[in-house]
Amino acid sequence: FQSKNRYPEVTLLELSAAKPDLIFLSSEP
């Protein structure tokens, strides 16, 4: 994800369309 908005909202549908190899779920915030 590349965006001028540093921390944008993303839907699971948009995530699916982006086709990432990895999804990192952070411990924070």
PDB file of all heavy atoms in Angstrom:
ATOM      1  N   PHE A   1       0.838  -1.199   0.000  1.00  0.00           N
ATOM      2  CA  PHE A   1       0.000   0.000   0.000  1.00  0.00           C
ATOM      3  C   PHE A   1       0.877   1.255   0.000  1.00  0.00           C
ATOM      4  O   PHE A   1       1.698   1.454   0.887  1.00  0.00           O
ATOM      5  CB  PHE A   1      -0.930   0.025   1.209  1.00  0.00           C
ATOM      6  CG  PHE A   1      -2.052  -0.976   1.118  1.00  0.00           C
ATOM      7  CD1 PHE A   1      -2.076  -2.089   1.945  1.00  0.00           C
ATOM      8  CD2 PHE A   1      -3.066  -0.819   0.194  1.00  0.00           C
ATOM      9  CE1 PHE A   1      -3.095  -3.024   1.870  1.00  0.00           C
ATOM     10  CE2 PHE A   1      -4.102  -1.741   0.098  1.00  0.00           C
ATOM     11  CZ  PHE A   1      -4.111  -2.853   0.940  1.00  0.00           C
ATOM     12  N   GLN A   2       0.694   2.081  -1.005  1.00  0.00           N
ATOM     13  CA  GLN A   2       1.400   3.354  -1.132  1.00  0.00           C
ATOM     14  C   GLN A   2       0.355   4.460  -1.220  1.00  0.00           C
ATOM     15  O   GLN A   2      -0.552   4.386  -2.044  1.00  0.00           O
ATOM     16  CB  GLN A   2       2.285   3.370  -2.374  1.00  0.00           C
ATOM     17  CG  GLN A   2       3.336   2.267  -2.398  1.00  0.00           C
ATOM     18  CD  GLN A   2       4.396   2.461  -1.335  1.00  0.00           C
ATOM     19  OE1 GLN A   2       5.029   3.513  -1.248  1.00  0.00           O
ATOM     20  NE2 GLN A   2       4.598   1.438  -0.508  1.00  0.00           N
ATOM     21  N   SER A   3       0.483   5.471  -0.378  1.00  0.00           N
ATOM     22  CA  SER A   3      -0.558   6.499  -0.328  1.00  0.00           C
ATOM     23  C   SER A   3      -0.009   7.780   0.286  1.00  0.00           C
ATOM     24  O   SER A   3       0.906   7.748   1.109  1.00  0.00           O
ATOM     25  CB  SER A   3      -1.752   6.005   0.500  1.00  0.00           C
ATOM     26  OG  SER A   3      -2.676   7.030   0.750  1.00  0.00           O
ATOM     27  N   LYS A   4      -0.577   8.913  -0.125  1.00  0.00           N
ATOM     28  CA  LYS A   4      -0.238  10.190   0.504  1.00  0.00           C
ATOM     29  C   LYS A   4      -0.777  10.235   1.926  1.00  0.00           C
ATOM     30  O   LYS A   4      -0.242  10.925   2.791  1.00  0.00           O
ATOM     31  CB  LYS A   4      -0.796  11.346  -0.324  1.00  0.00           C
ATOM     32  CG  LYS A   4      -0.097  11.537  -1.668  1.00  0.00           C
ATOM     33  CD  LYS A   4      -0.668  12.730  -2.419  1.00  0.00           C
ATOM     34  CE  LYS A   4       0.045  12.916  -3.754  1.00  0.00           C
ATOM     35  NZ  LYS A   4      -0.508  14.071  -4.520  1.00  0.00           N
ATOM     36  N   ASN A   5      -1.859   9.517   2.153  1.00  0.00           N
ATOM     37  CA  ASN A   5      -2.397   9.377   3.500  1.00  0.00           C
ATOM     38  C   ASN A   5      -1.592   8.284   4.193  1.00  0.00           C
ATOM     39  O   ASN A   5      -1.638   7.118   3.815  1.00  0.00           O
ATOM     40  CB  ASN A   5      -3.873   8.992   3.431  1.00  0.00           C
ATOM     41  CG  ASN A   5      -4.520   8.887   4.798  1.00  0.00           C
ATOM     42  OD1 ASN A   5      -3.838   8.940   5.825  1.00  0.00           O
ATOM     43  ND2 ASN A   5      -5.825   8.715   4.828  1.00  0.00           N
ATOM     44  N   ARG A   6      -0.834   8.658   5.193  1.00  0.00           N
ATOM     45  CA  ARG A   6       0.138   7.744   5.801  1.00  0.00           C
ATOM     46  C   ARG A   6      -0.509   6.525   6.463  1.00  0.00           C
ATOM     47  O   ARG A   6       0.080   5.447   6.492  1.00  0.00           O
ATOM     48  CB  ARG A   6       0.975   8.511   6.822  1.00  0.00           C
ATOM     49  CG  ARG A   6       1.921   9.519   6.183  1.00  0.00           C
ATOM     50  CD  ARG A   6       2.213  10.698   7.113  1.00  0.00           C
ATOM     51  NE  ARG A   6       2.723  10.315   8.404  1.00  0.00           N
ATOM     52  CZ  ARG A   6       4.001  10.120   8.682  1.00  0.00           C
ATOM     53  NH1 ARG A   6       4.903  10.238   7.734  1.00  0.00           N
ATOM     54  NH2 ARG A   6       4.394   9.798   9.894  1.00  0.00           N
ATOM     55  N   TYR A   7      -1.712   6.686   6.988  1.00  0.00           N
ATOM     56  CA  TYR A   7      -2.389   5.580   7.665  1.00  0.00           C
ATOM     57  C   TYR A   7      -3.850   5.502   7.198  1.00  0.00           C
ATOM     58  O   TYR A   7      -4.771   5.801   7.961  1.00  0.00           O
ATOM     59  CB  TYR A   7      -2.320   5.762   9.186  1.00  0.00           C
ATOM     60  CG  TYR A   7      -0.910   5.887   9.700  1.00  0.00           C
ATOM     61  CD1 TYR A   7      -0.391   7.133  10.072  1.00  0.00           C
ATOM     62  CD2 TYR A   7      -0.083   4.780   9.787  1.00  0.00           C
ATOM     63  CE1 TYR A   7       0.913   7.246  10.527  1.00  0.00           C
ATOM     64  CE2 TYR A   7       1.225   4.890  10.244  1.00  0.00           C
ATOM     65  CZ  TYR A   7       1.714   6.127  10.612  1.00  0.00           C
ATOM     66  OH  TYR A   7       3.009   6.246  11.052  1.00  0.00           O
ATOM     67  N   PRO A   8      -4.069   5.096   5.965  1.00  0.00           N
ATOM     68  CA  PRO A   8      -5.438   5.089   5.423  1.00  0.00           C
ATOM     69  C   PRO A   8      -6.266   3.906   5.921  1.00  0.00           C
ATOM     70  O   PRO A   8      -5.731   2.877   6.347  1.00  0.00           O
ATOM     71  CB  PRO A   8      -5.202   4.971   3.915  1.00  0.00           C
ATOM     72  CG  PRO A   8      -3.931   4.192   3.814  1.00  0.00           C
ATOM     73  CD  PRO A   8      -3.080   4.662   4.979  1.00  0.00           C
ATOM     74  N   GLU A   9      -7.575   4.078   5.831  1.00  0.00           N
ATOM     75  CA  GLU A   9      -8.485   2.971   6.086  1.00  0.00           C
ATOM     76  C   GLU A   9      -8.495   2.053   4.867  1.00  0.00           C
ATOM     77  O   GLU A   9      -8.427   2.510   3.726  1.00  0.00           O
ATOM     78  CB  GLU A   9      -9.903   3.497   6.356  1.00  0.00           C
ATOM     79  CG  GLU A   9     -10.013   4.335   7.612  1.00  0.00           C
ATOM     80  CD  GLU A   9     -11.433   4.835   7.848  1.00  0.00           C
ATOM     81  OE1 GLU A   9     -12.368   4.284   7.209  1.00  0.00           O
ATOM     82  OE2 GLU A   9     -11.607   5.760   8.657  1.00  0.00           O
ATOM     83  N   VAL A  10      -8.555   0.761   5.123  1.00  0.00           N
ATOM     84  CA  VAL A  10      -8.563  -0.238   4.052  1.00  0.00           C
ATOM     85  C   VAL A  10      -9.617  -1.288   4.374  1.00  0.00           C
ATOM     86  O   VAL A  10      -9.669  -1.792   5.506  1.00  0.00           O
ATOM     87  CB  VAL A  10      -7.174  -0.908   3.915  1.00  0.00           C
ATOM     88  CG1 VAL A  10      -7.227  -2.056   2.923  1.00  0.00           C
ATOM     89  CG2 VAL A  10      -6.122   0.089   3.492  1.00  0.00           C
ATOM     90  N   THR A  11     -10.433  -1.625   3.399  1.00  0.00           N
ATOM     91  CA  THR A  11     -11.421  -2.683   3.598  1.00  0.00           C
ATOM     92  C   THR A  11     -10.801  -4.036   3.259  1.00  0.00           C
ATOM     93  O   THR A  11      -9.779  -4.119   2.563  1.00  0.00           O
ATOM     94  CB  THR A  11     -12.648  -2.463   2.706  1.00  0.00           C
ATOM     95  OG1 THR A  11     -12.264  -2.617   1.327  1.00  0.00           O
ATOM     96  CG2 THR A  11     -13.242  -1.072   2.914  1.00  0.00           C
ATOM     97  N   LEU A  12     -11.432  -5.100   3.733  1.00  0.00           N
ATOM     98  CA  LEU A  12     -10.941  -6.433   3.411  1.00  0.00           C
ATOM     99  C   LEU A  12     -11.078  -6.715   1.917  1.00  0.00           C
ATOM    100  O   LEU A  12     -10.279  -7.472   1.352  1.00  0.00           O
ATOM    101  CB  LEU A  12     -11.696  -7.481   4.228  1.00  0.00           C
ATOM    102  CG  LEU A  12     -11.408  -7.495   5.732  1.00  0.00           C
ATOM    103  CD1 LEU A  12     -12.185  -8.611   6.411  1.00  0.00           C
ATOM    104  CD2 LEU A  12      -9.919  -7.653   6.011  1.00  0.00           C
ATOM    105  N   LEU A  13     -12.047  -6.072   1.275  1.00  0.00           N
ATOM    106  CA  LEU A  13     -12.209  -6.224  -0.171  1.00  0.00           C
ATOM    107  C   LEU A  13     -11.027  -5.585  -0.897  1.00  0.00           C
ATOM    108  O   LEU A  13     -10.487  -6.166  -1.855  1.00  0.00           O
ATOM    109  CB  LEU A  13     -13.518  -5.573  -0.625  1.00  0.00           C
ATOM    110  CG  LEU A  13     -13.924  -5.792  -2.091  1.00  0.00           C
ATOM    111  CD1 LEU A  13     -14.130  -7.279  -2.361  1.00  0.00           C
ATOM    112  CD2 LEU A  13     -15.193  -5.008  -2.415  1.00  0.00           C
ATOM    113  N   GLU A  14     -10.599  -4.409  -0.442  1.00  0.00           N
ATOM    114  CA  GLU A  14      -9.426  -3.749  -1.030  1.00  0.00           C
ATOM    115  C   GLU A  14      -8.166  -4.556  -0.756  1.00  0.00           C
ATOM    116  O   GLU A  14      -7.277  -4.645  -1.615  1.00  0.00           O
ATOM    117  CB  GLU A  14      -9.292  -2.332  -0.463  1.00  0.00           C
ATOM    118  CG  GLU A  14     -10.370  -1.372  -0.949  1.00  0.00           C
ATOM    119  CD  GLU A  14     -10.338  -0.050  -0.211  1.00  0.00           C
ATOM    120  OE1 GLU A  14     -10.060  -0.059   1.007  1.00  0.00           O
ATOM    121  OE2 GLU A  14     -10.593   0.986  -0.853  1.00  0.00           O
ATOM    122  N   LEU A  15      -8.098  -5.145   0.418  1.00  0.00           N
ATOM    123  CA  LEU A  15      -6.951  -5.987   0.750  1.00  0.00           C
ATOM    124  C   LEU A  15      -6.879  -7.176  -0.197  1.00  0.00           C
ATOM    125  O   LEU A  15      -5.807  -7.505  -0.730  1.00  0.00           O
ATOM    126  CB  LEU A  15      -7.054  -6.466   2.196  1.00  0.00           C
ATOM    127  CG  LEU A  15      -5.987  -7.457   2.668  1.00  0.00           C
ATOM    128  CD1 LEU A  15      -4.622  -6.798   2.686  1.00  0.00           C
ATOM    129  CD2 LEU A  15      -6.347  -8.008   4.043  1.00  0.00           C
ATOM    130  N   SER A  16      -8.008  -7.811  -0.422  1.00  0.00           N
ATOM    131  CA  SER A  16      -8.052  -8.961  -1.319  1.00  0.00           C
ATOM    132  C   SER A  16      -7.618  -8.587  -2.730  1.00  0.00           C
ATOM    133  O   SER A  16      -6.863  -9.315  -3.378  1.00  0.00           O
ATOM    134  CB  SER A  16      -9.467  -9.548  -1.340  1.00  0.00           C
ATOM    135  OG  SER A  16      -9.552 -10.622  -2.240  1.00  0.00           O
ATOM    136  N   ALA A  17      -8.072  -7.413  -3.205  1.00  0.00           N
ATOM    137  CA  ALA A  17      -7.733  -6.961  -4.556  1.00  0.00           C
ATOM    138  C   ALA A  17      -6.248  -6.646  -4.686  1.00  0.00           C
ATOM    139  O   ALA A  17      -5.664  -6.784  -5.765  1.00  0.00           O
ATOM    140  CB  ALA A  17      -8.569  -5.735  -4.914  1.00  0.00           C
ATOM    141  N   ALA A  18      -5.615  -6.226  -3.587  1.00  0.00           N
ATOM    142  CA  ALA A  18      -4.185  -5.879  -3.618  1.00  0.00           C
ATOM    143  C   ALA A  18      -3.296  -7.115  -3.724  1.00  0.00           C
ATOM    144  O   ALA A  18      -2.146  -7.021  -4.158  1.00  0.00           O
ATOM    145  CB  ALA A  18      -3.818  -5.072  -2.375  1.00  0.00           C
ATOM    146  N   LYS A  19      -3.805  -8.260  -3.291  1.00  0.00           N
ATOM    147  CA  LYS A  19      -3.092  -9.545  -3.384  1.00  0.00           C
ATOM    148  C   LYS A  19      -1.715  -9.518  -2.696  1.00  0.00           C
ATOM    149  O   LYS A  19      -0.672  -9.738  -3.334  1.00  0.00           O
ATOM    150  CB  LYS A  19      -2.943  -9.980  -4.836  1.00  0.00           C
ATOM    151  CG  LYS A  19      -4.261 -10.207  -5.552  1.00  0.00           C
ATOM    152  CD  LYS A  19      -4.050 -10.756  -6.943  1.00  0.00           C
ATOM    153  CE  LYS A  19      -5.372 -10.920  -7.693  1.00  0.00           C
ATOM    154  NZ  LYS A  19      -6.328 -11.806  -6.974  1.00  0.00           N
ATOM    155  N   PRO A  20      -1.669  -9.252  -1.407  1.00  0.00           N
ATOM    156  CA  PRO A  20      -0.372  -9.277  -0.701  1.00  0.00           C
ATOM    157  C   PRO A  20       0.135 -10.707  -0.545  1.00  0.00           C
ATOM    158  O   PRO A  20      -0.651 -11.661  -0.479  1.00  0.00           O
ATOM    159  CB  PRO A  20      -0.717  -8.663   0.658  1.00  0.00           C
ATOM    160  CG  PRO A  20      -2.152  -9.026   0.866  1.00  0.00           C
ATOM    161  CD  PRO A  20      -2.789  -8.951  -0.487  1.00  0.00           C
ATOM    162  N   ASP A  21       1.448 -10.832  -0.478  1.00  0.00           N
ATOM    163  CA  ASP A  21       2.037 -12.131  -0.149  1.00  0.00           C
ATOM    164  C   ASP A  21       1.976 -12.376   1.354  1.00  0.00           C
ATOM    165  O   ASP A  21       1.827 -13.521   1.802  1.00  0.00           O
ATOM    166  CB  ASP A  21       3.506 -12.166  -0.595  1.00  0.00           C
ATOM    167  CG  ASP A  21       3.671 -11.955  -2.088  1.00  0.00           C
ATOM    168  OD1 ASP A  21       3.022 -12.680  -2.864  1.00  0.00           O
ATOM    169  OD2 ASP A  21       4.448 -11.047  -2.473  1.00  0.00           O
ATOM    170  N   LEU A  22       2.119 -11.283   2.106  1.00  0.00           N
ATOM    171  CA  LEU A  22       2.145 -11.359   3.557  1.00  0.00           C
ATOM    172  C   LEU A  22       1.218 -10.312   4.153  1.00  0.00           C
ATOM    173  O   LEU A  22       1.093  -9.208   3.616  1.00  0.00           O
ATOM    174  CB  LEU A  22       3.566 -11.107   4.088  1.00  0.00           C
ATOM    175  CG  LEU A  22       4.675 -12.028   3.585  1.00  0.00           C
ATOM    176  CD1 LEU A  22       6.039 -11.443   3.945  1.00  0.00           C
ATOM    177  CD2 LEU A  22       4.526 -13.415   4.186  1.00  0.00           C
ATOM    178  N   ILE A  23       0.598 -10.643   5.262  1.00  0.00           N
ATOM    179  CA  ILE A  23      -0.201  -9.683   6.020  1.00  0.00           C
ATOM    180  C   ILE A  23       0.355  -9.668   7.441  1.00  0.00           C
ATOM    181  O   ILE A  23       0.372 -10.691   8.122  1.00  0.00           O
ATOM    182  CB  ILE A  23      -1.690 -10.067   6.038  1.00  0.00           C
ATOM    183  CG1 ILE A  23      -2.258 -10.091   4.610  1.00  0.00           C
ATOM    184  CG2 ILE A  23      -2.486  -9.104   6.918  1.00  0.00           C
ATOM    185  CD1 ILE A  23      -3.673 -10.655   4.516  1.00  0.00           C
ATOM    186  N   PHE A  24       0.864  -8.503   7.843  1.00  0.00           N
ATOM    187  CA  PHE A  24       1.409  -8.339   9.187  1.00  0.00           C
ATOM    188  C   PHE A  24       0.366  -7.658  10.065  1.00  0.00           C
ATOM    189  O   PHE A  24      -0.116  -6.566   9.743  1.00  0.00           O
ATOM    190  CB  PHE A  24       2.681  -7.491   9.165  1.00  0.00           C
ATOM    191  CG  PHE A  24       3.888  -8.173   8.577  1.00  0.00           C
ATOM    192  CD1 PHE A  24       5.049  -7.443   8.343  1.00  0.00           C
ATOM    193  CD2 PHE A  24       3.881  -9.522   8.284  1.00  0.00           C
ATOM    194  CE1 PHE A  24       6.173  -8.063   7.812  1.00  0.00           C
ATOM    195  CE2 PHE A  24       4.997 -10.156   7.749  1.00  0.00           C
ATOM    196  CZ  PHE A  24       6.148  -9.418   7.513  1.00  0.00           C
ATOM    197  N   LEU A  25       0.027  -8.288  11.175  1.00  0.00           N
ATOM    198  CA  LEU A  25      -0.884  -7.711  12.161  1.00  0.00           C
ATOM    199  C   LEU A  25      -0.046  -7.269  13.351  1.00  0.00           C
ATOM    200  O   LEU A  25       0.511  -8.101  14.079  1.00  0.00           O
ATOM    201  CB  LEU A  25      -1.938  -8.741  12.587  1.00  0.00           C
ATOM    202  CG  LEU A  25      -2.749  -9.398  11.461  1.00  0.00           C
ATOM    203  CD1 LEU A  25      -3.782 -10.362  12.051  1.00  0.00           C
ATOM    204  CD2 LEU A  25      -3.437  -8.354  10.588  1.00  0.00           C
ATOM    205  N   SER A  26       0.038  -5.963  13.553  1.00  0.00           N
ATOM    206  CA  SER A  26       0.955  -5.417  14.549  1.00  0.00           C
ATOM    207  C   SER A  26       0.400  -5.519  15.967  1.00  0.00           C
ATOM    208  O   SER A  26      -0.820  -5.498  16.186  1.00  0.00           O
ATOM    209  CB  SER A  26       1.261  -3.957  14.213  1.00  0.00           C
ATOM    210  OG  SER A  26       2.154  -3.412  15.146  1.00  0.00           O
ATOM    211  N   SER A  27       1.316  -5.580  16.906  1.00  0.00           N
ATOM    212  CA  SER A  27       0.939  -5.620  18.321  1.00  0.00           C
ATOM    213  C   SER A  27       0.566  -4.249  18.864  1.00  0.00           C
ATOM    214  O   SER A  27       0.029  -4.144  19.970  1.00  0.00           O
ATOM    215  CB  SER A  27       2.095  -6.187  19.147  1.00  0.00           C
ATOM    216  OG  SER A  27       3.251  -5.359  19.015  1.00  0.00           O
ATOM    217  N   GLU A  28       0.858  -3.182  18.081  1.00  0.00           N
ATOM    218  CA  GLU A  28       0.511  -1.830  18.501  1.00  0.00           C
ATOM    219  C   GLU A  28       0.371  -0.913  17.278  1.00  0.00           C
ATOM    220  O   GLU A  28       0.943  -1.219  16.223  1.00  0.00           O
ATOM    221  CB  GLU A  28       1.573  -1.275  19.458  1.00  0.00           C
ATOM    222  CG  GLU A  28       2.974  -1.166  18.868  1.00  0.00           C
ATOM    223  CD  GLU A  28       3.917  -0.427  19.788  1.00  0.00           C
ATOM    224  OE1 GLU A  28       4.043  -0.816  20.955  1.00  0.00           O
ATOM    225  OE2 GLU A  28       4.518   0.561  19.329  1.00  0.00           O
ATOM    226  N   PRO A  29      -0.407   0.134  17.362  1.00  0.00           N
ATOM    227  CA  PRO A  29      -1.166   0.595  18.529  1.00  0.00           C
ATOM    228  C   PRO A  29      -2.385  -0.258  18.865  1.00  0.00           C
ATOM    229  O   PRO A  29      -2.831  -0.275  19.995  1.00  0.00           O
ATOM    230  CB  PRO A  29      -1.575   2.016  18.141  1.00  0.00           C
ATOM    231  CG  PRO A  29      -1.622   2.004  16.657  1.00  0.00           C
ATOM    232  CD  PRO A  29      -0.507   1.079  16.225  1.00  0.00           C
TER     233      PRO A  29
END
